Amino acid sequence: MRPVNTSKISSPNDSIVYSIGRLYVLLDSYLYNVAYKEYSLNAAKFNLLMVIKHAGKDKGLSQTELGNNLYVTAANITKLIDTVEKDGLVLRMASLSDRRVNLIKITDKGSRLLDEIWPKHVSGINKILEKFSSSDKDKLDQLLQAFKQDMEEKVR
């Protein structure tokens, strides 16, 4: 795929939004190739498993909580959970306090898979950012955090 000629983008605002979108696609592709591909995972499945393991811990998370954490619609989260459940990476269990609610818990297999992938994921991220100084990383992080927070407020 050839990149779009960004010199035709009319404003800095348009350029920033285009660059963020394109960067997301490039990051997704890069991390897939260096960390997830050999495990038949993608970034969405990896992120789902990470949230379940670290935010859900032993009690699990509802599908609604997962969707909110991952900014995914109810239909998409259901499809995503179905896929990793078929692979034996998560369990879907009825909540004891509300049987209408499914709690999603990571299995031992899913947890071991994340433990195996994690070093490759970290190495990939380190490689992506190796050309940036610590100061530049801090500045970029601050800008992105502020942008993310502002967008979360706008979307609510």
C-alpha atoms as a PDB file:
ATOM      1  CA  MET A   1       0.000   0.000   0.000  1.00  0.00           C
ATOM      2  CA  ARG A   2       1.388   3.375  -1.000  1.00  0.00           C
ATOM      3  CA  PRO A   3       1.140   6.173   1.576  1.00  0.00           C
ATOM      4  CA  VAL A   4      -1.094   9.118   0.820  1.00  0.00           C
ATOM      5  CA  ASN A   5       0.689  12.297  -0.238  1.00  0.00           C
ATOM      6  CA  THR A   6       0.230  14.292   2.977  1.00  0.00           C
ATOM      7  CA  SER A   7       1.357  17.522   1.293  1.00  0.00           C
ATOM      8  CA  LYS A   8      -2.205  17.752  -0.085  1.00  0.00           C
ATOM      9  CA  ILE A   9      -3.723  17.691   3.400  1.00  0.00           C
ATOM     10  CA  SER A  10      -5.069  21.173   3.902  1.00  0.00           C
ATOM     11  CA  SER A  11      -4.454  21.957   7.561  1.00  0.00           C
ATOM     12  CA  PRO A  12      -2.232  20.957  10.476  1.00  0.00           C
ATOM     13  CA  ASN A  13      -5.326  19.560  12.211  1.00  0.00           C
ATOM     14  CA  ASP A  14      -6.106  17.318   9.259  1.00  0.00           C
ATOM     15  CA  SER A  15      -2.476  16.239   9.071  1.00  0.00           C
ATOM     16  CA  ILE A  16      -2.359  15.346  12.783  1.00  0.00           C
ATOM     17  CA  VAL A  17      -5.523  13.244  12.625  1.00  0.00           C
ATOM     18  CA  TYR A  18      -4.392  11.529   9.413  1.00  0.00           C
ATOM     19  CA  SER A  19      -0.966  10.802  10.908  1.00  0.00           C
ATOM     20  CA  ILE A  20      -2.469   9.308  14.071  1.00  0.00           C
ATOM     21  CA  GLY A  21      -4.739   7.054  12.019  1.00  0.00           C
ATOM     22  CA  ARG A  22      -1.919   5.959   9.749  1.00  0.00           C
ATOM     23  CA  LEU A  23       0.389   5.419  12.721  1.00  0.00           C
ATOM     24  CA  TYR A  24      -2.208   3.141  14.314  1.00  0.00           C
ATOM     25  CA  VAL A  25      -2.320   0.991  11.166  1.00  0.00           C
ATOM     26  CA  LEU A  26       1.483   0.835  10.989  1.00  0.00           C
ATOM     27  CA  LEU A  27       1.870  -0.018  14.695  1.00  0.00           C
ATOM     28  CA  ASP A  28      -0.780  -2.717  14.408  1.00  0.00           C
ATOM     29  CA  SER A  29       0.970  -4.282  11.419  1.00  0.00           C
ATOM     30  CA  TYR A  30       4.440  -4.065  12.966  1.00  0.00           C
ATOM     31  CA  LEU A  31       3.441  -5.587  16.315  1.00  0.00           C
ATOM     32  CA  TYR A  32       1.471  -8.309  14.552  1.00  0.00           C
ATOM     33  CA  ASN A  33       4.586  -9.332  12.619  1.00  0.00           C
ATOM     34  CA  VAL A  34       7.062  -9.179  15.521  1.00  0.00           C
ATOM     35  CA  ALA A  35       4.920 -10.442  18.405  1.00  0.00           C
ATOM     36  CA  TYR A  36       1.465 -11.884  17.620  1.00  0.00           C
ATOM     37  CA  LYS A  37       1.569 -13.617  14.237  1.00  0.00           C
ATOM     38  CA  GLU A  38       3.095 -16.924  15.309  1.00  0.00           C
ATOM     39  CA  TYR A  39       0.383 -17.241  17.982  1.00  0.00           C
ATOM     40  CA  SER A  40      -2.499 -16.509  15.583  1.00  0.00           C
ATOM     41  CA  LEU A  41      -3.354 -13.383  17.551  1.00  0.00           C
ATOM     42  CA  ASN A  42      -3.901  -9.805  16.523  1.00  0.00           C
ATOM     43  CA  ALA A  43      -3.733  -6.592  18.545  1.00  0.00           C
ATOM     44  CA  ALA A  44      -7.448  -6.751  19.417  1.00  0.00           C
ATOM     45  CA  LYS A  45      -7.160 -10.265  20.870  1.00  0.00           C
ATOM     46  CA  PHE A  46      -3.900  -9.422  22.632  1.00  0.00           C
ATOM     47  CA  ASN A  47      -5.419  -6.296  24.205  1.00  0.00           C
ATOM     48  CA  LEU A  48      -8.541  -8.200  25.228  1.00  0.00           C
ATOM     49  CA  LEU A  49      -6.462 -10.861  26.979  1.00  0.00           C
ATOM     50  CA  MET A  50      -4.284  -8.227  28.682  1.00  0.00           C
ATOM     51  CA  VAL A  51      -7.318  -6.368  30.060  1.00  0.00           C
ATOM     52  CA  ILE A  52      -8.945  -9.583  31.276  1.00  0.00           C
ATOM     53  CA  LYS A  53      -5.740 -10.784  32.929  1.00  0.00           C
ATOM     54  CA  HIS A  54      -4.697  -7.515  34.564  1.00  0.00           C
ATOM     55  CA  ALA A  55      -7.955  -5.640  35.182  1.00  0.00           C
ATOM     56  CA  GLY A  56     -10.163  -8.682  35.662  1.00  0.00           C
ATOM     57  CA  LYS A  57      -7.688 -10.616  37.793  1.00  0.00           C
ATOM     58  CA  ASP A  58      -9.401 -13.585  39.494  1.00  0.00           C
ATOM     59  CA  LYS A  59     -12.963 -12.253  39.458  1.00  0.00           C
ATOM     60  CA  GLY A  60     -13.173 -11.524  35.723  1.00  0.00           C
ATOM     61  CA  LEU A  61     -14.848  -8.661  33.881  1.00  0.00           C
ATOM     62  CA  SER A  62     -18.283  -8.297  32.353  1.00  0.00           C
ATOM     63  CA  GLN A  63     -18.555  -7.983  28.602  1.00  0.00           C
ATOM     64  CA  THR A  64     -19.747  -4.403  29.105  1.00  0.00           C
ATOM     65  CA  GLU A  65     -16.651  -3.563  31.187  1.00  0.00           C
ATOM     66  CA  LEU A  66     -14.425  -5.116  28.527  1.00  0.00           C
ATOM     67  CA  GLY A  67     -16.130  -3.162  25.755  1.00  0.00           C
ATOM     68  CA  ASN A  68     -15.715   0.064  27.711  1.00  0.00           C
ATOM     69  CA  ASN A  69     -12.039  -0.627  28.449  1.00  0.00           C
ATOM     70  CA  LEU A  70     -11.282  -1.419  24.834  1.00  0.00           C
ATOM     71  CA  TYR A  71     -13.635   1.148  23.212  1.00  0.00           C
ATOM     72  CA  VAL A  72     -15.443  -1.638  21.366  1.00  0.00           C
ATOM     73  CA  THR A  73     -19.165  -2.019  20.671  1.00  0.00           C
ATOM     74  CA  ALA A  74     -21.188  -4.760  22.375  1.00  0.00           C
ATOM     75  CA  ALA A  75     -21.486  -6.705  19.102  1.00  0.00           C
ATOM     76  CA  ASN A  76     -17.758  -6.533  18.427  1.00  0.00           C
ATOM     77  CA  ILE A  77     -16.772  -7.512  21.974  1.00  0.00           C
ATOM     78  CA  THR A  78     -19.078 -10.533  21.780  1.00  0.00           C
ATOM     79  CA  LYS A  79     -17.474 -11.641  18.498  1.00  0.00           C
ATOM     80  CA  LEU A  80     -13.990 -11.103  19.906  1.00  0.00           C
ATOM     81  CA  ILE A  81     -14.754 -13.076  23.070  1.00  0.00           C
ATOM     82  CA  ASP A  82     -16.310 -15.891  21.009  1.00  0.00           C
ATOM     83  CA  THR A  83     -13.073 -16.212  19.048  1.00  0.00           C
ATOM     84  CA  VAL A  84     -10.702 -16.385  22.035  1.00  0.00           C
ATOM     85  CA  GLU A  85     -13.128 -18.612  23.943  1.00  0.00           C
ATOM     86  CA  LYS A  86     -13.051 -21.152  21.069  1.00  0.00           C
ATOM     87  CA  ASP A  87      -9.252 -21.102  21.353  1.00  0.00           C
ATOM     88  CA  GLY A  88      -9.496 -21.930  25.066  1.00  0.00           C
ATOM     89  CA  LEU A  89      -7.949 -18.613  26.142  1.00  0.00           C
ATOM     90  CA  VAL A  90     -10.921 -17.312  28.163  1.00  0.00           C
ATOM     91  CA  LEU A  91     -13.970 -18.637  29.972  1.00  0.00           C
ATOM     92  CA  ARG A  92     -17.414 -17.047  29.927  1.00  0.00           C
ATOM     93  CA  MET A  93     -19.248 -17.580  33.217  1.00  0.00           C
ATOM     94  CA  ALA A  94     -22.559 -16.313  34.575  1.00  0.00           C
ATOM     95  CA  SER A  95     -22.156 -13.796  37.390  1.00  0.00           C
ATOM     96  CA  LEU A  96     -23.311 -15.116  40.752  1.00  0.00           C
ATOM     97  CA  SER A  97     -24.923 -11.772  41.610  1.00  0.00           C
ATOM     98  CA  ASP A  98     -26.661 -11.247  38.254  1.00  0.00           C
ATOM     99  CA  ARG A  99     -27.186 -14.209  35.935  1.00  0.00           C
ATOM    100  CA  ARG A 100     -27.858 -11.846  33.006  1.00  0.00           C
ATOM    101  CA  VAL A 101     -24.203 -10.787  33.178  1.00  0.00           C
ATOM    102  CA  ASN A 102     -21.364 -12.877  31.788  1.00  0.00           C
ATOM    103  CA  LEU A 103     -18.000 -12.585  33.496  1.00  0.00           C
ATOM    104  CA  ILE A 104     -15.005 -13.231  31.299  1.00  0.00           C
ATOM    105  CA  LYS A 105     -11.953 -14.807  32.917  1.00  0.00           C
ATOM    106  CA  ILE A 106      -8.623 -15.717  31.403  1.00  0.00           C
ATOM    107  CA  THR A 107      -7.675 -19.397  31.417  1.00  0.00           C
ATOM    108  CA  ASP A 108      -4.300 -20.775  32.444  1.00  0.00           C
ATOM    109  CA  LYS A 109      -3.642 -21.366  28.739  1.00  0.00           C
ATOM    110  CA  GLY A 110      -4.431 -17.712  27.956  1.00  0.00           C
ATOM    111  CA  SER A 111      -2.261 -16.479  30.807  1.00  0.00           C
ATOM    112  CA  ARG A 112       0.686 -18.638  29.726  1.00  0.00           C
ATOM    113  CA  LEU A 113       0.266 -17.403  26.139  1.00  0.00           C
ATOM    114  CA  LEU A 114       0.478 -13.778  27.290  1.00  0.00           C
ATOM    115  CA  ASP A 115       3.548 -14.566  29.381  1.00  0.00           C
ATOM    116  CA  GLU A 116       5.200 -16.044  26.274  1.00  0.00           C
ATOM    117  CA  ILE A 117       4.242 -13.147  23.976  1.00  0.00           C
ATOM    118  CA  TRP A 118       5.052 -10.341  26.426  1.00  0.00           C
ATOM    119  CA  PRO A 119       8.850 -10.248  25.880  1.00  0.00           C
ATOM    120  CA  LYS A 120       8.339 -10.051  22.092  1.00  0.00           C
ATOM    121  CA  HIS A 121       5.741  -7.312  22.533  1.00  0.00           C
ATOM    122  CA  VAL A 122       8.063  -5.272  24.790  1.00  0.00           C
ATOM    123  CA  SER A 123      11.004  -5.793  22.450  1.00  0.00           C
ATOM    124  CA  GLY A 124       8.894  -4.628  19.501  1.00  0.00           C
ATOM    125  CA  ILE A 125       7.809  -1.488  21.334  1.00  0.00           C
ATOM    126  CA  ASN A 126      11.382  -0.744  22.413  1.00  0.00           C
ATOM    127  CA  LYS A 127      12.521  -1.098  18.807  1.00  0.00           C
ATOM    128  CA  ILE A 128       9.791   1.295  17.607  1.00  0.00           C
ATOM    129  CA  LEU A 129      10.901   3.986  20.043  1.00  0.00           C
ATOM    130  CA  GLU A 130      14.669   3.414  20.072  1.00  0.00           C
ATOM    131  CA  LYS A 131      15.451   6.543  18.041  1.00  0.00           C
ATOM    132  CA  PHE A 132      13.666   8.856  20.482  1.00  0.00           C
ATOM    133  CA  SER A 133      15.444  10.391  23.472  1.00  0.00           C
ATOM    134  CA  SER A 134      13.924   9.988  26.940  1.00  0.00           C
ATOM    135  CA  SER A 135      12.958  13.646  26.845  1.00  0.00           C
ATOM    136  CA  ASP A 136      11.197  13.263  23.493  1.00  0.00           C
ATOM    137  CA  LYS A 137       9.367  10.169  24.757  1.00  0.00           C
ATOM    138  CA  ASP A 138       8.197  12.076  27.834  1.00  0.00           C
ATOM    139  CA  LYS A 139       6.959  14.994  25.700  1.00  0.00           C
ATOM    140  CA  LEU A 140       5.198  12.686  23.257  1.00  0.00           C
ATOM    141  CA  ASP A 141       3.603  10.746  26.104  1.00  0.00           C
ATOM    142  CA  GLN A 142       2.337  13.955  27.735  1.00  0.00           C
ATOM    143  CA  LEU A 143       0.852  15.207  24.465  1.00  0.00           C
ATOM    144  CA  LEU A 144      -0.795  11.894  23.666  1.00  0.00           C
ATOM    145  CA  GLN A 145      -2.192  11.526  27.203  1.00  0.00           C
ATOM    146  CA  ALA A 146      -3.678  15.026  27.036  1.00  0.00           C
ATOM    147  CA  PHE A 147      -5.119  14.314  23.576  1.00  0.00           C
ATOM    148  CA  LYS A 148      -6.576  10.976  24.741  1.00  0.00           C
ATOM    149  CA  GLN A 149      -8.127  12.554  27.834  1.00  0.00           C
ATOM    150  CA  ASP A 150      -9.689  15.335  25.784  1.00  0.00           C
ATOM    151  CA  MET A 151     -11.085  12.824  23.292  1.00  0.00           C
ATOM    152  CA  GLU A 152     -12.519  10.663  26.092  1.00  0.00           C
ATOM    153  CA  GLU A 153     -14.357  13.703  27.428  1.00  0.00           C
ATOM    154  CA  LYS A 154     -15.681  14.548  23.962  1.00  0.00           C
ATOM    155  CA  VAL A 155     -16.896  10.997  23.305  1.00  0.00           C
ATOM    156  CA  ARG A 156     -18.710  10.529  26.626  1.00  0.00           C
END
